[in-house]
Amino acid sequence: MARLEKWKRTVDPIRGHDCLFGVVTGHPVLSDGECYTTELRELDLEHNIAVTKSGTIYELGAPADRVPDEFHMPGCPARKGK
């Protein structure tokens, strides 16, 4: 299961959808690093789980205080194997 640390609920600056931003690890397709998720479908704070439109289930770690100002590029780290 992918894990998202230092996460915050936000709006994708390009696509305009509700999503999460944070540091992803253990994603089956993406390399570890800062990431905007795809559109948020479910956010279960009682169980620390988020589900996105792509079907990815994220285990949520500690939330962030804020999305860093220095992160300007939308999207996620490079796909594994690239």
N, C-alpha and C. Protein backbone atom coordinates (compact mmCIF):
# COMPACT_ATOMS: atom_id res chain seq x y z
N MET A 1 0.85 -1.18 0.00
CA MET A 1 0.00 0.00 0.00
C MET A 1 0.89 1.24 0.00
N ALA A 2 0.53 2.20 -0.81
CA ALA A 2 1.26 3.47 -0.84
C ALA A 2 1.04 4.22 0.47
N ARG A 3 2.03 4.97 0.87
CA ARG A 3 1.94 5.76 2.11
C ARG A 3 2.18 7.22 1.76
N LEU A 4 1.42 8.11 2.39
CA LEU A 4 1.57 9.54 2.17
C LEU A 4 1.87 10.21 3.50
N GLU A 5 3.05 10.83 3.58
CA GLU A 5 3.49 11.56 4.76
C GLU A 5 3.46 13.05 4.47
N LYS A 6 3.45 13.85 5.52
CA LYS A 6 3.47 15.31 5.39
C LYS A 6 2.42 15.77 4.39
N TRP A 7 1.23 15.19 4.48
CA TRP A 7 0.18 15.42 3.50
C TRP A 7 -0.73 16.57 3.91
N LYS A 8 -1.39 17.12 2.90
CA LYS A 8 -2.36 18.18 3.10
C LYS A 8 -3.42 18.07 2.02
N ARG A 9 -4.67 18.28 2.41
CA ARG A 9 -5.75 18.33 1.43
C ARG A 9 -5.66 19.67 0.72
N THR A 10 -5.75 19.64 -0.61
CA THR A 10 -5.56 20.85 -1.40
C THR A 10 -6.30 20.71 -2.73
N VAL A 11 -6.08 21.65 -3.61
CA VAL A 11 -6.66 21.61 -4.95
C VAL A 11 -5.51 21.55 -5.96
N ASP A 12 -5.59 20.62 -6.89
CA ASP A 12 -4.57 20.51 -7.93
C ASP A 12 -4.53 21.82 -8.70
N PRO A 13 -3.36 22.48 -8.77
CA PRO A 13 -3.29 23.81 -9.40
C PRO A 13 -3.54 23.81 -10.90
N ILE A 14 -3.41 22.69 -11.56
CA ILE A 14 -3.64 22.60 -13.00
C ILE A 14 -5.04 22.07 -13.31
N ARG A 15 -5.38 20.98 -12.70
CA ARG A 15 -6.65 20.30 -13.01
C ARG A 15 -7.83 20.82 -12.21
N GLY A 16 -7.56 21.46 -11.07
CA GLY A 16 -8.61 22.06 -10.26
C GLY A 16 -9.43 21.10 -9.43
N HIS A 17 -8.98 19.86 -9.27
CA HIS A 17 -9.75 18.92 -8.47
C HIS A 17 -9.21 18.82 -7.04
N ASP A 18 -10.07 18.35 -6.15
CA ASP A 18 -9.73 18.11 -4.76
C ASP A 18 -8.75 16.93 -4.72
N CYS A 19 -7.63 17.12 -4.02
CA CYS A 19 -6.61 16.07 -3.98
C CYS A 19 -5.81 16.20 -2.70
N LEU A 20 -4.80 15.35 -2.57
CA LEU A 20 -3.85 15.44 -1.48
C LEU A 20 -2.48 15.74 -2.05
N PHE A 21 -1.66 16.43 -1.29
CA PHE A 21 -0.27 16.67 -1.64
C PHE A 21 0.56 16.17 -0.48
N GLY A 22 1.65 15.47 -0.77
CA GLY A 22 2.51 14.99 0.30
C GLY A 22 3.69 14.24 -0.26
N VAL A 23 4.36 13.52 0.62
CA VAL A 23 5.52 12.72 0.25
C VAL A 23 5.08 11.26 0.19
N VAL A 24 5.11 10.71 -1.01
CA VAL A 24 4.64 9.34 -1.23
C VAL A 24 5.81 8.36 -1.16
N THR A 25 5.54 7.20 -0.57
CA THR A 25 6.48 6.07 -0.58
C THR A 25 5.68 4.81 -0.86
N GLY A 26 6.34 3.84 -1.46
CA GLY A 26 5.71 2.54 -1.67
C GLY A 26 4.61 2.51 -2.72
N HIS A 27 4.57 3.51 -3.59
CA HIS A 27 3.56 3.52 -4.65
C HIS A 27 3.94 2.49 -5.70
N PRO A 28 2.98 1.73 -6.24
CA PRO A 28 3.33 0.69 -7.20
C PRO A 28 3.86 1.20 -8.54
N VAL A 29 3.61 2.47 -8.87
CA VAL A 29 4.02 3.01 -10.17
C VAL A 29 5.00 4.17 -10.04
N LEU A 30 4.84 5.00 -9.03
CA LEU A 30 5.64 6.22 -8.89
C LEU A 30 6.84 6.02 -7.98
N SER A 31 7.90 6.75 -8.28
CA SER A 31 9.06 6.77 -7.39
C SER A 31 8.70 7.57 -6.14
N ASP A 32 9.43 7.33 -5.07
CA ASP A 32 9.20 8.05 -3.82
C ASP A 32 9.51 9.53 -3.99
N GLY A 33 8.70 10.39 -3.38
CA GLY A 33 8.93 11.82 -3.43
C GLY A 33 7.64 12.61 -3.32
N GLU A 34 7.73 13.93 -3.47
CA GLU A 34 6.56 14.80 -3.37
C GLU A 34 5.58 14.51 -4.50
N CYS A 35 4.29 14.61 -4.18
CA CYS A 35 3.29 14.19 -5.15
C CYS A 35 1.95 14.85 -4.89
N TYR A 36 1.27 15.25 -5.96
CA TYR A 36 -0.16 15.52 -5.92
C TYR A 36 -0.83 14.22 -6.31
N THR A 37 -1.86 13.82 -5.57
CA THR A 37 -2.60 12.61 -5.94
C THR A 37 -3.57 12.94 -7.07
N THR A 38 -4.16 11.91 -7.64
CA THR A 38 -5.28 12.12 -8.54
C THR A 38 -6.48 12.54 -7.67
N GLU A 39 -7.59 12.79 -8.30
CA GLU A 39 -8.77 13.31 -7.61
C GLU A 39 -9.14 12.46 -6.39
N LEU A 40 -9.39 13.12 -5.29
CA LEU A 40 -9.72 12.46 -4.04
C LEU A 40 -11.15 11.94 -4.08
N ARG A 41 -11.32 10.65 -3.78
CA ARG A 41 -12.65 10.03 -3.76
C ARG A 41 -13.13 9.79 -2.33
N GLU A 42 -12.20 9.44 -1.44
CA GLU A 42 -12.57 9.15 -0.06
C GLU A 42 -11.42 9.54 0.85
N LEU A 43 -11.76 10.17 1.97
CA LEU A 43 -10.76 10.54 2.98
C LEU A 43 -11.31 10.08 4.32
N ASP A 44 -10.74 9.01 4.87
CA ASP A 44 -11.19 8.42 6.13
C ASP A 44 -10.14 8.71 7.19
N LEU A 45 -10.34 9.79 7.93
CA LEU A 45 -9.35 10.19 8.94
C LEU A 45 -9.39 9.30 10.17
N GLU A 46 -10.50 8.63 10.39
CA GLU A 46 -10.59 7.70 11.53
C GLU A 46 -9.65 6.52 11.33
N HIS A 47 -9.51 6.06 10.07
CA HIS A 47 -8.66 4.92 9.76
C HIS A 47 -7.38 5.31 9.01
N ASN A 48 -7.17 6.61 8.82
CA ASN A 48 -5.98 7.13 8.13
C ASN A 48 -5.79 6.54 6.74
N ILE A 49 -6.87 6.59 5.96
CA ILE A 49 -6.86 6.04 4.60
C ILE A 49 -7.44 7.08 3.64
N ALA A 50 -6.85 7.17 2.46
CA ALA A 50 -7.40 7.99 1.37
C ALA A 50 -7.47 7.12 0.12
N VAL A 51 -8.52 7.30 -0.65
CA VAL A 51 -8.69 6.59 -1.92
C VAL A 51 -8.86 7.64 -3.01
N THR A 52 -8.14 7.47 -4.11
CA THR A 52 -8.20 8.43 -5.21
C THR A 52 -8.93 7.86 -6.42
N LYS A 53 -9.21 8.74 -7.37
CA LYS A 53 -9.93 8.36 -8.59
C LYS A 53 -9.21 7.24 -9.34
N SER A 54 -7.88 7.23 -9.29
CA SER A 54 -7.12 6.19 -9.99
C SER A 54 -7.24 4.83 -9.32
N GLY A 55 -7.80 4.82 -8.11
CA GLY A 55 -7.95 3.56 -7.37
C GLY A 55 -6.85 3.33 -6.36
N THR A 56 -5.88 4.21 -6.30
CA THR A 56 -4.80 4.06 -5.33
C THR A 56 -5.34 4.28 -3.92
N ILE A 57 -4.96 3.38 -3.02
CA ILE A 57 -5.29 3.51 -1.61
C ILE A 57 -4.02 3.95 -0.89
N TYR A 58 -4.12 5.06 -0.19
CA TYR A 58 -2.98 5.60 0.55
C TYR A 58 -3.20 5.43 2.04
N GLU A 59 -2.17 4.93 2.72
CA GLU A 59 -2.13 4.97 4.17
C GLU A 59 -1.59 6.36 4.52
N LEU A 60 -2.30 7.08 5.37
CA LEU A 60 -1.90 8.44 5.70
C LEU A 60 -1.05 8.47 6.96
N GLY A 61 0.12 9.07 6.82
CA GLY A 61 0.98 9.30 7.97
C GLY A 61 0.64 10.65 8.58
N ALA A 62 1.64 11.30 9.16
CA ALA A 62 1.43 12.59 9.80
C ALA A 62 1.12 13.67 8.75
N PRO A 63 0.13 14.51 9.02
CA PRO A 63 -0.18 15.60 8.09
C PRO A 63 0.88 16.69 8.15
N ALA A 64 0.91 17.51 7.10
CA ALA A 64 1.84 18.63 7.02
C ALA A 64 1.18 19.88 7.61
N ASP A 65 2.01 20.83 7.96
CA ASP A 65 1.48 22.13 8.40
C ASP A 65 0.93 22.90 7.21
N ARG A 66 1.59 22.74 6.04
CA ARG A 66 1.15 23.46 4.84
C ARG A 66 1.86 22.86 3.63
N VAL A 67 1.32 23.11 2.45
CA VAL A 67 1.98 22.71 1.21
C VAL A 67 3.14 23.69 0.99
N PRO A 68 4.34 23.19 0.75
CA PRO A 68 5.49 24.09 0.62
C PRO A 68 5.38 25.04 -0.57
N ASP A 69 5.73 26.32 -0.35
CA ASP A 69 5.69 27.32 -1.40
C ASP A 69 6.67 27.02 -2.52
N GLU A 70 7.76 26.35 -2.19
CA GLU A 70 8.79 26.12 -3.20
C GLU A 70 8.42 25.01 -4.18
N PHE A 71 7.32 24.30 -3.94
CA PHE A 71 6.90 23.24 -4.86
C PHE A 71 5.94 23.84 -5.87
N HIS A 72 6.42 24.08 -7.08
CA HIS A 72 5.61 24.76 -8.10
C HIS A 72 5.09 23.83 -9.18
N MET A 73 5.78 22.76 -9.46
CA MET A 73 5.39 21.89 -10.56
C MET A 73 4.33 20.89 -10.11
N PRO A 74 3.22 20.80 -10.84
CA PRO A 74 2.20 19.83 -10.48
C PRO A 74 2.64 18.42 -10.87
N GLY A 75 1.99 17.45 -10.28
CA GLY A 75 2.25 16.07 -10.66
C GLY A 75 3.06 15.35 -9.62
N CYS A 76 3.60 14.24 -10.02
CA CYS A 76 4.29 13.35 -9.11
C CYS A 76 5.69 13.05 -9.62
N PRO A 77 6.49 12.39 -8.78
CA PRO A 77 7.82 12.02 -9.23
C PRO A 77 7.76 11.08 -10.45
N ALA A 78 8.89 10.90 -11.04
CA ALA A 78 8.97 10.04 -12.23
C ALA A 78 8.48 8.64 -11.93
N ARG A 79 7.94 8.01 -12.95
CA ARG A 79 7.51 6.63 -12.80
C ARG A 79 8.72 5.74 -12.59
N LYS A 80 8.52 4.69 -11.83
CA LYS A 80 9.60 3.75 -11.57
C LYS A 80 10.13 3.18 -12.89
N GLY A 81 11.43 2.99 -12.94
CA GLY A 81 12.04 2.41 -14.13
C GLY A 81 12.31 3.41 -15.24
N LYS A 82 12.06 4.69 -15.03
CA LYS A 82 12.29 5.71 -16.07
C LYS A 82 13.58 6.44 -15.78
